[in-house]
N, C-alpha and C. Protein backbone atom coordinates (compact mmCIF):
# COMPACT_ATOMS: atom_id res chain seq x y z
N MET A 1 101.74 121.17 124.75
CA MET A 1 102.35 120.14 124.00
C MET A 1 101.57 119.09 123.32
N ARG A 2 101.90 118.47 122.08
CA ARG A 2 101.15 117.76 121.40
C ARG A 2 101.79 116.20 121.52
N LEU A 3 101.17 115.13 122.09
CA LEU A 3 101.32 114.10 122.56
C LEU A 3 101.02 112.98 121.67
N LEU A 4 101.93 112.07 121.19
CA LEU A 4 101.48 111.02 120.19
C LEU A 4 101.98 109.84 121.24
N LEU A 5 100.73 109.06 121.72
CA LEU A 5 101.23 107.86 122.32
C LEU A 5 100.57 106.60 121.08
N VAL A 6 101.97 105.86 120.88
CA VAL A 6 102.08 104.55 119.65
C VAL A 6 102.24 103.86 120.39
N ARG A 7 101.37 102.70 120.11
CA ARG A 7 101.22 101.43 120.33
C ARG A 7 102.49 100.36 119.88
N HIS A 8 103.15 99.54 120.28
CA HIS A 8 104.60 98.93 119.46
C HIS A 8 104.11 98.25 118.66
N GLY A 9 104.62 97.65 117.61
CA GLY A 9 104.55 96.53 116.58
C GLY A 9 104.23 95.28 117.22
N GLN A 10 103.73 94.57 116.24
CA GLN A 10 103.23 93.09 116.86
C GLN A 10 104.20 92.20 117.24
N THR A 11 103.87 91.61 118.21
CA THR A 11 104.62 90.32 118.62
C THR A 11 104.06 88.92 118.81
N PRO A 12 105.03 88.07 118.95
CA PRO A 12 104.60 86.97 119.00
C PRO A 12 103.29 86.55 120.20
N THR A 13 103.73 87.19 121.32
CA THR A 13 102.33 86.82 121.99
C THR A 13 101.24 87.56 121.96
N ASN A 14 101.31 88.70 121.08
CA ASN A 14 100.14 89.13 120.77
C ASN A 14 99.41 88.36 119.72
N VAL A 15 100.27 87.61 118.88
CA VAL A 15 99.62 86.34 118.02
C VAL A 15 99.00 85.61 118.76
N ASP A 16 99.23 85.30 119.70
CA ASP A 16 98.82 83.91 120.60
C ASP A 16 97.84 84.64 121.45
N TYR A 17 97.51 85.82 121.61
CA TYR A 17 96.90 86.71 122.39
C TYR A 17 96.90 86.27 124.10
N LEU A 18 98.38 86.59 124.54
CA LEU A 18 98.69 86.50 125.55
C LEU A 18 98.92 87.52 126.39
N LEU A 19 98.92 87.65 127.85
CA LEU A 19 99.33 89.12 128.74
C LEU A 19 100.52 88.69 129.08
N ASP A 20 101.16 89.58 128.29
CA ASP A 20 102.68 89.15 128.36
C ASP A 20 103.23 90.60 128.57
N THR A 21 103.55 90.99 129.69
CA THR A 21 103.80 92.30 130.28
C THR A 21 105.09 92.56 130.95
N ALA A 22 106.00 91.39 131.09
CA ALA A 22 107.02 91.51 132.12
C ALA A 22 108.02 92.04 131.00
N VAL A 23 109.19 92.78 131.74
CA VAL A 23 110.61 93.07 131.39
C VAL A 23 111.45 91.69 131.30
N PRO A 24 112.31 91.73 130.01
CA PRO A 24 111.93 92.46 128.67
C PRO A 24 111.14 92.55 127.76
N GLY A 25 110.30 91.43 127.98
CA GLY A 25 109.62 90.84 126.94
C GLY A 25 109.96 90.61 125.48
N PRO A 26 109.33 90.00 124.77
CA PRO A 26 109.45 89.44 123.28
C PRO A 26 109.95 90.68 122.45
N GLY A 27 110.48 90.45 121.12
CA GLY A 27 110.85 90.97 120.20
C GLY A 27 109.80 91.23 119.10
N LEU A 28 109.47 91.81 117.82
CA LEU A 28 108.82 91.88 117.13
C LEU A 28 108.34 90.53 115.89
N THR A 29 107.36 90.32 115.24
CA THR A 29 107.16 89.39 114.54
C THR A 29 107.40 90.12 113.13
N ALA A 30 107.44 89.31 111.84
CA ALA A 30 108.08 90.10 110.73
C ALA A 30 107.06 91.21 110.28
N LEU A 31 105.57 90.62 110.30
CA LEU A 31 104.94 91.86 110.38
C LEU A 31 105.00 93.27 111.60
N GLY A 32 105.33 92.99 112.89
CA GLY A 32 105.57 94.00 113.52
C GLY A 32 106.89 95.14 113.02
N ALA A 33 108.00 94.05 112.57
CA ALA A 33 108.78 94.87 112.02
C ALA A 33 108.61 95.75 110.81
N ARG A 34 107.76 95.39 109.83
CA ARG A 34 107.04 96.00 108.82
C ARG A 34 106.35 97.25 109.35
N GLN A 35 105.50 96.93 110.32
CA GLN A 35 104.65 97.83 111.06
C GLN A 35 105.60 99.20 111.41
N ALA A 36 106.60 98.80 112.12
CA ALA A 36 107.67 99.77 112.84
C ALA A 36 108.33 100.74 111.46
N ALA A 37 108.59 99.74 110.71
CA ALA A 37 109.36 100.36 109.56
C ALA A 37 108.41 101.66 108.90
N ALA A 38 106.79 101.28 108.95
CA ALA A 38 106.25 102.23 108.20
C ALA A 38 105.87 103.69 108.94
N LEU A 39 106.31 103.55 110.16
CA LEU A 39 106.06 104.45 111.22
C LEU A 39 106.24 105.98 110.76
N PRO A 40 107.55 105.94 110.38
CA PRO A 40 108.36 107.49 109.79
C PRO A 40 107.57 108.13 108.64
N GLN A 41 106.69 106.92 108.24
CA GLN A 41 105.96 107.61 106.72
C GLN A 41 104.57 108.23 107.19
N ALA A 42 104.07 106.98 108.41
CA ALA A 42 102.75 107.53 108.95
C ALA A 42 102.74 108.31 109.85
N LEU A 43 103.74 108.98 110.04
CA LEU A 43 104.10 109.92 110.98
C LEU A 43 104.92 111.24 110.29
N ALA A 44 104.83 111.33 109.10
CA ALA A 44 105.70 112.17 108.28
C ALA A 44 105.37 113.64 108.30
N ASP A 45 103.99 114.07 108.77
CA ASP A 45 103.33 115.33 109.14
C ASP A 45 103.61 115.79 110.59
N GLU A 46 104.02 115.07 111.52
CA GLU A 46 104.36 115.21 112.70
C GLU A 46 105.52 115.57 113.03
N ASP A 47 106.04 116.93 113.23
CA ASP A 47 107.14 117.56 113.71
C ASP A 47 107.70 117.15 115.21
N ILE A 48 108.23 115.82 115.18
CA ILE A 48 108.30 115.24 116.67
C ILE A 48 109.68 115.68 116.78
N GLU A 49 109.73 116.56 117.95
CA GLU A 49 111.15 116.68 118.86
C GLU A 49 111.99 115.84 119.98
N ALA A 50 110.95 115.04 120.45
CA ALA A 50 111.61 113.60 121.40
C ALA A 50 110.83 112.41 121.21
N LEU A 51 111.82 111.89 121.35
CA LEU A 51 111.11 110.57 121.04
C LEU A 51 111.28 109.48 122.51
N TYR A 52 110.00 108.99 123.07
CA TYR A 52 110.68 108.01 123.90
C TYR A 52 109.98 106.53 123.90
N ALA A 53 110.50 105.75 124.49
CA ALA A 53 109.82 104.30 124.39
C ALA A 53 110.08 103.56 125.99
N SER A 54 109.62 102.16 126.16
CA SER A 54 109.27 101.72 127.38
C SER A 54 110.51 101.02 127.48
N THR A 55 110.92 100.22 128.49
CA THR A 55 111.86 99.23 128.67
C THR A 55 111.72 98.02 128.20
N LEU A 56 110.84 97.76 127.25
CA LEU A 56 110.24 96.43 126.78
C LEU A 56 111.02 96.43 125.59
N VAL A 57 111.34 95.45 124.91
CA VAL A 57 112.17 95.33 123.85
C VAL A 57 111.23 95.84 122.60
N ARG A 58 109.78 95.31 122.46
CA ARG A 58 109.10 95.75 121.53
C ARG A 58 109.09 97.19 121.14
N THR A 59 109.44 97.87 122.27
CA THR A 59 108.64 99.45 122.02
C THR A 59 110.09 99.81 121.41
N ARG A 60 111.15 99.58 121.79
CA ARG A 60 112.47 100.05 121.44
C ARG A 60 112.84 99.51 120.08
N LEU A 61 112.44 98.37 119.75
CA LEU A 61 112.36 97.73 118.32
C LEU A 61 111.07 99.13 117.31
N THR A 62 110.37 98.97 117.57
CA THR A 62 109.29 100.12 116.80
C THR A 62 109.89 101.29 116.79
N ALA A 63 110.48 101.99 118.10
CA ALA A 63 110.60 103.39 117.83
C ALA A 63 112.22 103.31 116.85
N ALA A 64 112.68 102.61 116.52
CA ALA A 64 113.98 102.31 116.17
C ALA A 64 114.02 103.38 114.59
N PRO A 65 112.94 102.55 113.60
CA PRO A 65 113.19 103.32 112.36
C PRO A 65 112.71 104.80 112.93
N LEU A 66 111.92 105.27 113.37
CA LEU A 66 111.49 106.51 113.47
C LEU A 66 112.85 107.43 114.24
N ALA A 67 113.52 106.92 115.11
CA ALA A 67 114.78 107.41 115.76
C ALA A 67 115.72 107.86 114.47
N ALA A 68 115.92 106.67 113.76
CA ALA A 68 116.73 106.85 112.46
C ALA A 68 116.53 107.80 111.37
N ALA A 69 115.05 108.13 111.25
CA ALA A 69 114.56 108.87 110.00
C ALA A 69 114.34 110.28 110.43
N ARG A 70 114.08 110.48 111.73
CA ARG A 70 114.14 111.94 112.48
C ARG A 70 115.73 112.54 113.11
N GLY A 71 116.75 111.28 113.12
CA GLY A 71 117.53 111.73 114.10
C GLY A 71 117.71 111.91 115.46
N LEU A 72 116.84 111.55 116.16
CA LEU A 72 116.39 111.45 117.52
C LEU A 72 116.86 110.09 117.88
N ASP A 73 117.58 110.68 119.23
CA ASP A 73 117.65 109.77 120.76
C ASP A 73 116.71 108.86 120.97
N VAL A 74 116.31 107.63 121.40
CA VAL A 74 115.48 106.95 121.73
C VAL A 74 115.34 107.17 123.66
N LEU A 75 114.71 108.19 123.94
CA LEU A 75 114.90 108.28 125.50
C LEU A 75 113.76 106.82 126.32
N VAL A 76 114.41 105.90 126.60
CA VAL A 76 113.79 104.64 127.30
C VAL A 76 113.53 105.12 128.66
N ARG A 77 112.27 104.84 129.27
CA ARG A 77 111.89 105.41 130.39
C ARG A 77 110.56 103.84 130.99
N ASP A 78 111.32 103.56 132.18
CA ASP A 78 110.36 102.47 132.76
C ASP A 78 108.64 102.90 132.72
N GLY A 79 108.58 104.32 133.17
CA GLY A 79 107.03 104.78 133.33
C GLY A 79 106.06 104.51 132.52
N ILE A 80 106.49 104.35 131.11
CA ILE A 80 105.39 104.01 130.08
C ILE A 80 105.27 102.68 129.85
N ARG A 81 106.16 101.73 130.45
CA ARG A 81 105.63 100.20 130.12
C ARG A 81 104.35 99.77 130.61
N GLU A 82 104.13 98.54 130.06
CA GLU A 82 102.89 98.28 129.96
C GLU A 82 102.47 97.68 131.35
N ILE A 83 100.67 98.02 131.74
CA ILE A 83 100.15 97.75 133.10
C ILE A 83 100.73 95.96 133.46
N SER A 84 101.36 96.13 134.77
CA SER A 84 101.86 94.80 134.85
C SER A 84 100.45 93.59 135.08
N ALA A 85 100.65 92.35 134.53
CA ALA A 85 99.79 91.37 134.60
C ALA A 85 99.80 90.61 136.25
N GLY A 86 100.88 90.85 136.98
CA GLY A 86 101.16 90.30 138.57
C GLY A 86 100.81 88.93 137.90
N ASP A 87 99.68 88.40 138.82
CA ASP A 87 99.73 86.57 138.79
C ASP A 87 99.05 86.37 137.44
N LEU A 88 98.75 87.18 136.83
CA LEU A 88 97.77 87.14 135.78
C LEU A 88 98.48 86.86 134.26
N GLU A 89 99.96 86.80 134.67
CA GLU A 89 100.83 86.98 133.55
C GLU A 89 100.89 85.64 132.91
N MET A 90 100.70 85.82 131.27
CA MET A 90 100.78 85.00 130.33
C MET A 90 99.48 84.27 130.15
N ALA A 91 98.59 84.69 130.73
CA ALA A 91 96.94 84.36 130.67
C ALA A 91 96.75 84.62 129.28
N ARG A 92 95.80 83.69 128.57
CA ARG A 92 94.98 84.17 127.52
C ARG A 92 93.95 85.18 127.47
N GLY A 93 94.47 86.02 127.02
CA GLY A 93 93.24 87.16 126.84
C GLY A 93 92.01 87.02 126.96
N ASP A 94 91.52 86.04 126.12
CA ASP A 94 89.95 85.61 126.10
C ASP A 94 89.70 84.45 127.25
N SER A 95 90.77 84.38 128.02
CA SER A 95 90.41 83.68 129.55
C SER A 95 89.60 84.13 130.72
N ALA A 96 89.13 83.75 131.54
CA ALA A 96 88.75 84.63 132.53
C ALA A 96 89.76 85.56 133.39
N GLN A 97 90.92 85.18 133.57
CA GLN A 97 91.98 85.81 133.75
C GLN A 97 92.07 87.17 132.91
N GLY A 98 92.53 87.13 131.38
CA GLY A 98 92.17 88.08 130.73
C GLY A 98 91.38 89.00 130.62
N GLU A 99 89.95 88.60 130.97
CA GLU A 99 89.12 89.48 131.20
C GLU A 99 89.19 90.34 132.40
N LEU A 100 89.67 89.54 133.61
CA LEU A 100 89.74 90.06 135.06
C LEU A 100 90.87 91.24 134.73
N TYR A 101 91.95 90.93 133.75
CA TYR A 101 92.95 92.03 133.65
C TYR A 101 92.35 93.34 133.07
N MET A 102 91.66 93.27 132.10
CA MET A 102 91.08 94.42 131.58
C MET A 102 89.74 95.08 132.31
N ARG A 103 89.11 94.51 133.04
CA ARG A 103 87.96 94.83 133.69
C ARG A 103 88.76 95.68 134.93
N THR A 104 89.76 94.93 135.52
CA THR A 104 90.74 96.07 136.23
C THR A 104 91.42 97.61 135.92
N VAL A 105 91.73 97.12 134.77
CA VAL A 105 92.33 98.49 134.15
C VAL A 105 91.52 99.20 133.72
N PHE A 106 89.94 98.94 133.50
CA PHE A 106 89.29 100.30 133.07
C PHE A 106 88.53 100.65 134.39
N ALA A 107 88.29 99.70 135.58
CA ALA A 107 87.83 100.05 136.84
C ALA A 107 89.02 101.46 137.38
N TRP A 108 89.95 101.27 137.10
CA TRP A 108 91.10 102.57 137.04
C TRP A 108 90.47 103.78 136.71
N ALA A 109 90.28 103.65 134.91
CA ALA A 109 89.80 104.66 134.35
C ALA A 109 88.08 105.25 135.05
N ALA A 110 87.58 104.27 135.69
CA ALA A 110 86.58 104.86 135.87
C ALA A 110 86.34 105.35 137.70
N GLY A 111 87.77 105.83 137.79
CA GLY A 111 87.63 106.16 139.18
C GLY A 111 88.49 105.33 140.32
N ASP A 112 88.40 104.20 140.10
CA ASP A 112 88.59 102.96 141.35
C ASP A 112 90.41 102.65 141.37
N VAL A 113 90.94 104.07 141.51
CA VAL A 113 92.76 103.74 141.35
C VAL A 113 93.22 103.06 142.41
N GLY A 114 92.22 103.04 143.59
CA GLY A 114 93.12 102.03 144.37
C GLY A 114 92.88 100.65 144.49
N LEU A 115 91.99 100.12 143.31
CA LEU A 115 92.08 98.83 142.88
C LEU A 115 93.67 98.27 142.38
N ARG A 116 93.83 96.96 143.32
CA ARG A 116 95.20 96.39 142.81
C ARG A 116 95.05 95.27 141.85
N MET A 117 95.74 95.14 140.55
CA MET A 117 96.04 93.85 139.83
C MET A 117 96.41 93.20 140.55
N PRO A 118 95.79 91.26 140.52
CA PRO A 118 96.25 90.54 141.44
C PRO A 118 97.64 90.63 141.17
N GLY A 119 98.23 90.59 142.41
CA GLY A 119 99.77 90.31 142.33
C GLY A 119 100.68 91.42 141.92
N GLY A 120 100.00 92.79 141.36
CA GLY A 120 100.77 93.34 140.47
C GLY A 120 100.71 95.25 141.15
N GLU A 121 100.54 95.95 140.40
CA GLU A 121 100.35 97.46 140.78
C GLU A 121 98.75 97.66 141.01
N SER A 122 98.45 98.85 141.64
CA SER A 122 97.22 99.72 141.69
C SER A 122 97.31 100.72 140.50
N GLY A 123 95.92 101.12 140.25
CA GLY A 123 95.47 102.14 139.42
C GLY A 123 96.63 103.57 139.59
N THR A 124 96.25 103.74 141.18
CA THR A 124 97.56 104.96 141.55
C THR A 124 98.87 104.87 141.19
N GLU A 125 99.64 103.63 141.29
CA GLU A 125 100.80 103.59 141.19
C GLU A 125 101.20 103.49 139.53
N PHE A 126 100.31 102.84 138.69
CA PHE A 126 100.20 103.30 137.42
C PHE A 126 100.33 104.60 136.70
N LEU A 127 99.27 105.37 137.40
CA LEU A 127 99.32 106.55 136.89
C LEU A 127 100.38 107.71 137.05
N THR A 128 101.07 107.29 138.42
CA THR A 128 101.93 107.78 138.87
C THR A 128 103.18 108.11 138.19
N ARG A 129 103.56 106.67 137.64
CA ARG A 129 104.47 106.26 136.96
C ARG A 129 104.56 106.70 135.39
N TYR A 130 103.51 106.73 134.76
CA TYR A 130 103.03 107.39 133.36
C TYR A 130 102.85 109.08 133.41
N ASP A 131 102.31 109.25 134.43
CA ASP A 131 102.54 110.61 134.55
C ASP A 131 103.69 111.59 134.64
N ALA A 132 104.49 110.62 135.11
CA ALA A 132 105.90 111.31 135.58
C ALA A 132 106.73 111.33 134.30
N VAL A 133 106.62 110.47 133.44
CA VAL A 133 107.06 110.57 131.91
C VAL A 133 106.66 111.63 131.03
N VAL A 134 105.17 111.78 131.17
CA VAL A 134 104.78 112.74 130.60
C VAL A 134 105.00 114.27 130.92
N ALA A 135 105.07 114.34 132.61
CA ALA A 135 105.63 115.34 133.04
C ALA A 135 107.05 115.88 132.55
N GLU A 136 107.66 114.99 132.41
CA GLU A 136 109.21 114.94 131.81
C GLU A 136 109.41 115.50 130.68
N ALA A 137 108.31 115.25 130.08
CA ALA A 137 108.57 115.34 128.24
C ALA A 137 107.59 116.61 128.37
N ALA A 138 106.92 117.25 129.10
CA ALA A 138 106.54 118.44 128.91
C ALA A 138 107.48 119.73 129.49
N ALA A 139 108.06 119.20 130.38
CA ALA A 139 109.14 120.16 130.90
C ALA A 139 110.00 120.39 130.01
N SER A 140 110.62 119.37 128.70
CA SER A 140 111.58 119.79 128.17
C SER A 140 111.13 120.65 127.23
N GLY A 141 110.15 121.53 127.19
CA GLY A 141 109.64 122.29 126.09
C GLY A 141 109.67 122.05 124.58
N ALA A 142 109.66 120.55 124.79
CA ALA A 142 109.43 120.02 122.97
C ALA A 142 107.63 120.13 122.68
N GLY A 143 107.66 120.68 121.46
CA GLY A 143 106.20 120.81 121.20
C GLY A 143 105.44 119.89 120.97
N THR A 144 106.20 118.51 119.73
CA THR A 144 105.56 117.29 119.74
C THR A 144 106.32 116.37 120.21
N VAL A 145 105.93 115.52 121.24
CA VAL A 145 106.25 114.30 121.49
C VAL A 145 105.82 112.94 121.21
N ALA A 146 107.11 111.90 120.86
CA ALA A 146 105.90 110.79 120.69
C ALA A 146 106.55 109.80 121.40
N MET A 147 105.49 109.03 122.41
CA MET A 147 105.87 108.02 123.02
C MET A 147 105.75 106.54 122.70
N VAL A 148 106.47 106.02 122.36
CA VAL A 148 105.97 104.52 121.64
C VAL A 148 105.79 103.51 123.27
N SER A 149 104.53 102.91 123.62
CA SER A 149 103.94 102.32 124.68
C SER A 149 103.12 101.17 124.42
N HIS A 150 102.29 100.91 124.98
CA HIS A 150 101.61 99.81 125.05
C HIS A 150 99.95 99.79 125.18
N GLY A 151 99.40 99.12 124.37
CA GLY A 151 97.77 98.80 124.14
C GLY A 151 96.82 99.43 125.66
N ALA A 152 97.13 98.25 126.43
CA ALA A 152 96.19 98.81 127.65
C ALA A 152 96.90 99.96 128.45
N ALA A 153 97.87 100.33 128.27
CA ALA A 153 98.41 101.69 129.23
C ALA A 153 98.05 102.88 128.69
N ILE A 154 98.26 102.77 127.19
CA ILE A 154 97.64 104.22 126.34
C ILE A 154 96.19 104.03 127.00
N ARG A 155 95.48 103.32 126.41
CA ARG A 155 93.99 103.08 126.43
C ARG A 155 93.63 103.46 128.13
N ALA A 156 94.47 103.22 128.89
CA ALA A 156 93.95 103.54 130.38
C ALA A 156 94.47 104.97 130.69
N TRP A 157 95.60 105.26 130.36
CA TRP A 157 96.06 106.94 130.92
C TRP A 157 95.18 107.66 129.76
N ALA A 158 94.98 107.74 128.60
CA ALA A 158 93.95 108.37 127.83
C ALA A 158 92.56 108.49 128.62
N ALA A 159 92.09 107.55 128.84
CA ALA A 159 90.72 107.55 129.44
C ALA A 159 90.57 108.42 130.79
N THR A 160 91.66 108.31 131.47
CA THR A 160 91.71 108.90 132.67
C THR A 160 92.17 110.36 132.91
N ARG A 161 93.17 110.57 131.52
CA ARG A 161 93.62 111.80 131.98
C ARG A 161 93.08 112.97 130.52
N ALA A 162 92.73 112.28 129.56
CA ALA A 162 92.10 113.00 128.53
C ALA A 162 90.71 113.36 129.22
N ASP A 163 90.01 114.67 128.72
CA ASP A 163 89.24 115.51 129.42
C ASP A 163 87.54 114.86 128.29
N ASN A 164 88.12 114.65 127.20
CA ASN A 164 86.90 114.05 126.35
C ASN A 164 86.91 112.31 125.81
N VAL A 165 87.86 111.78 126.49
CA VAL A 165 87.86 110.30 126.47
C VAL A 165 86.92 109.81 127.37
N ASP A 166 86.01 109.00 127.28
CA ASP A 166 85.16 108.61 128.23
C ASP A 166 85.14 107.13 128.35
N LEU A 167 84.67 106.32 129.46
CA LEU A 167 85.07 105.33 129.62
C LEU A 167 84.41 104.02 128.26
N PRO A 168 83.44 104.29 127.95
CA PRO A 168 82.92 103.69 126.66
C PRO A 168 83.52 103.82 125.61
N PHE A 169 83.94 104.78 125.25
CA PHE A 169 84.80 104.85 123.88
C PHE A 169 86.01 104.22 124.35
N ALA A 170 86.83 104.47 125.30
CA ALA A 170 87.93 103.49 125.63
C ALA A 170 87.70 102.07 125.66
N THR A 171 86.94 101.78 126.38
CA THR A 171 86.79 100.22 126.02
C THR A 171 86.25 99.59 124.36
N ALA A 172 85.49 100.71 124.00
CA ALA A 172 85.03 100.01 122.90
C ALA A 172 85.85 100.44 121.45
N ASN A 173 86.78 101.06 121.75
CA ASN A 173 87.97 101.40 120.76
C ASN A 173 89.20 100.84 121.05
N ARG A 174 89.76 99.39 120.46
CA ARG A 174 90.99 99.07 120.76
C ARG A 174 91.92 99.60 119.92
N LEU A 175 92.87 99.58 120.23
CA LEU A 175 94.48 99.99 119.73
C LEU A 175 95.16 99.28 119.08
N ALA A 176 95.22 99.00 117.67
CA ALA A 176 96.23 97.91 117.03
C ALA A 176 97.38 98.35 117.35
N ASN A 177 98.14 97.50 116.50
CA ASN A 177 99.86 97.54 116.75
C ASN A 177 100.09 98.95 115.99
N THR A 178 101.02 99.60 116.37
CA THR A 178 101.19 100.83 115.86
C THR A 178 100.28 101.83 115.86
N GLY A 179 98.92 101.78 116.21
CA GLY A 179 97.88 102.80 116.34
C GLY A 179 98.38 103.76 117.29
N THR A 180 98.14 105.32 116.98
CA THR A 180 98.23 105.99 117.89
C THR A 180 97.18 107.07 118.33
N VAL A 181 97.15 107.54 119.52
CA VAL A 181 96.58 108.57 119.89
C VAL A 181 97.11 110.04 119.99
N VAL A 182 96.57 110.76 119.57
CA VAL A 182 97.23 112.19 119.72
C VAL A 182 96.57 112.91 120.46
N LEU A 183 97.22 113.79 121.56
CA LEU A 183 96.57 114.35 122.62
C LEU A 183 97.37 115.61 122.54
N GLU A 184 96.45 116.84 123.18
CA GLU A 184 97.11 118.03 123.24
C GLU A 184 96.91 118.49 124.77
N GLY A 185 97.90 119.42 124.95
CA GLY A 185 97.60 119.79 126.57
C GLY A 185 98.76 120.02 127.27
N SER A 186 98.53 119.94 128.70
CA SER A 186 99.56 119.84 129.49
C SER A 186 99.52 119.58 130.57
N PRO A 187 99.94 118.99 131.85
CA PRO A 187 99.89 118.00 132.81
C PRO A 187 99.27 119.39 133.46
N ALA A 188 99.35 120.53 133.96
CA ALA A 188 98.91 121.64 134.28
C ALA A 188 97.72 121.83 134.04
N ASP A 189 97.40 121.88 132.67
CA ASP A 189 95.84 122.44 132.45
C ASP A 189 94.86 121.32 131.75
N GLY A 190 95.63 120.02 131.72
CA GLY A 190 94.97 118.77 131.21
C GLY A 190 94.94 118.48 129.87
N TRP A 191 94.36 117.59 129.25
CA TRP A 191 94.50 116.77 128.18
C TRP A 191 93.28 116.82 127.24
N LYS A 192 93.49 117.16 125.98
CA LYS A 192 92.45 116.60 125.05
C LYS A 192 92.73 115.75 124.06
N ALA A 193 91.98 114.64 123.55
CA ALA A 193 92.55 113.67 122.58
C ALA A 193 91.90 114.28 121.55
N LEU A 194 92.84 114.67 120.36
CA LEU A 194 92.57 114.97 119.01
C LEU A 194 92.12 113.72 118.08
N SER A 195 92.66 112.55 118.20
CA SER A 195 92.31 111.59 117.36
C SER A 195 92.79 110.20 117.96
N TRP A 196 92.21 109.36 117.69
CA TRP A 196 92.62 107.77 118.16
C TRP A 196 92.28 107.10 116.93
N ALA A 197 93.56 106.61 116.80
CA ALA A 197 93.93 105.65 115.63
C ALA A 197 93.35 106.31 114.24
N GLY A 198 93.58 107.20 113.79
CA GLY A 198 93.04 108.09 112.90
C GLY A 198 91.73 108.66 112.91
N ALA A 199 91.21 108.01 114.16
CA ALA A 199 89.28 108.71 113.99
C ALA A 199 89.18 109.61 114.83
N THR A 200 88.38 110.86 114.67
CA THR A 200 88.27 111.98 115.61
C THR A 200 87.60 110.97 116.72
N VAL A 201 88.05 111.78 118.19
CA VAL A 201 87.49 111.16 119.29
C VAL A 201 86.29 111.89 119.30
N VAL A 202 85.30 111.37 119.47
CA VAL A 202 83.97 111.54 120.01
C VAL A 202 83.15 110.36 121.13
N PRO A 203 83.05 110.85 121.98
CA PRO A 203 82.75 109.68 123.25
C PRO A 203 81.39 109.22 122.90
N ALA A 204 81.23 108.07 123.64
CA ALA A 204 79.64 107.28 123.37
C ALA A 204 78.58 108.16 123.62
N GLY A 205 77.42 107.90 122.52
CA GLY A 205 76.31 108.80 122.97
C GLY A 205 76.62 109.66 122.07
N GLU A 206 77.68 110.44 121.47
CA GLU A 206 77.70 111.58 120.67
C GLU A 206 77.96 111.01 119.12
N GLY A 207 78.00 109.90 118.82
CA GLY A 207 78.06 109.68 117.30
C GLY A 207 79.73 109.86 117.17
N GLY A 208 79.91 109.61 116.04
CA GLY A 208 81.49 109.19 115.57
C GLY A 208 81.64 107.72 115.57
N PRO A 209 83.04 107.32 115.95
CA PRO A 209 83.47 106.16 116.03
C PRO A 209 82.60 104.83 116.60
N ALA A 210 82.40 103.88 116.20
CA ALA A 210 81.43 102.77 117.12
C ALA A 210 82.26 101.33 117.10
N GLY A 211 81.68 100.90 117.67
CA GLY A 211 82.36 99.25 117.80
C GLY A 211 81.61 98.63 118.96
N GLN A 212 81.84 97.51 118.83
CA GLN A 212 81.84 96.38 119.86
C GLN A 212 83.02 96.63 121.29
N PRO A 213 82.87 96.65 122.25
CA PRO A 213 83.93 96.42 123.00
C PRO A 213 84.93 95.20 123.17
N VAL A 214 86.32 95.58 123.08
CA VAL A 214 87.15 94.25 122.29
C VAL A 214 88.31 94.52 123.36
N ALA A 215 88.32 93.57 124.15
CA ALA A 215 89.58 93.53 124.81
C ALA A 215 90.91 93.47 124.52
N GLU A 216 92.21 94.13 124.96
CA GLU A 216 93.20 94.44 124.40
C GLU A 216 94.31 93.93 125.33
N THR A 217 94.88 92.67 125.19
CA THR A 217 95.71 92.23 126.37
C THR A 217 97.10 92.22 125.58
N GLY A 218 98.29 91.84 126.76
CA GLY A 218 99.53 91.54 126.23
C GLY A 218 99.99 92.93 125.67
N GLY A 219 99.57 94.13 125.84
CA GLY A 219 99.91 95.06 125.16
C GLY A 219 101.41 95.14 124.78
């Protein structure tokens, strides 16, 4: 299966750099709406057979233009919502609480899945719910599936499940609004990331996309 993980369009709390992970969450800014409207053209070469979105308003609004263009229903699933910030909800991303959020997320990708977000979920709980939606999509028989999800969730899941995405790459390469990670594989055979926001995935130390580590919060 070809799996497209698409981050939602810009929200007001993205602009304010806040950890905003609770359901239902805000809608899109005017820019976010334009980003969503541009998705059908951006993904024109993808033969998308199924389209999923999380339970947050921003992903469903982002998916709507793509659904309309392709004549698809949006399958709403809680499992691909953003990683809950728990006690850190609505903290600024550049605060100590925001840094703790991202350290916890990437600790999961490094293997410490038993670690729990303060007042929130563990890495095991996050991966279990996200894996369940991916498995559902794979079992459907669709050749290409798009899931409109969230920045931290996409980065954490891809870094944990894709064989060729290492932790330095995931931490250094943030995902902008409506940025897409393209993977290929299956739950049984594993996953390989083909591209990350349009760039070929080459893990740190092997050349390729480079950048300073950038925290991304309030996905």
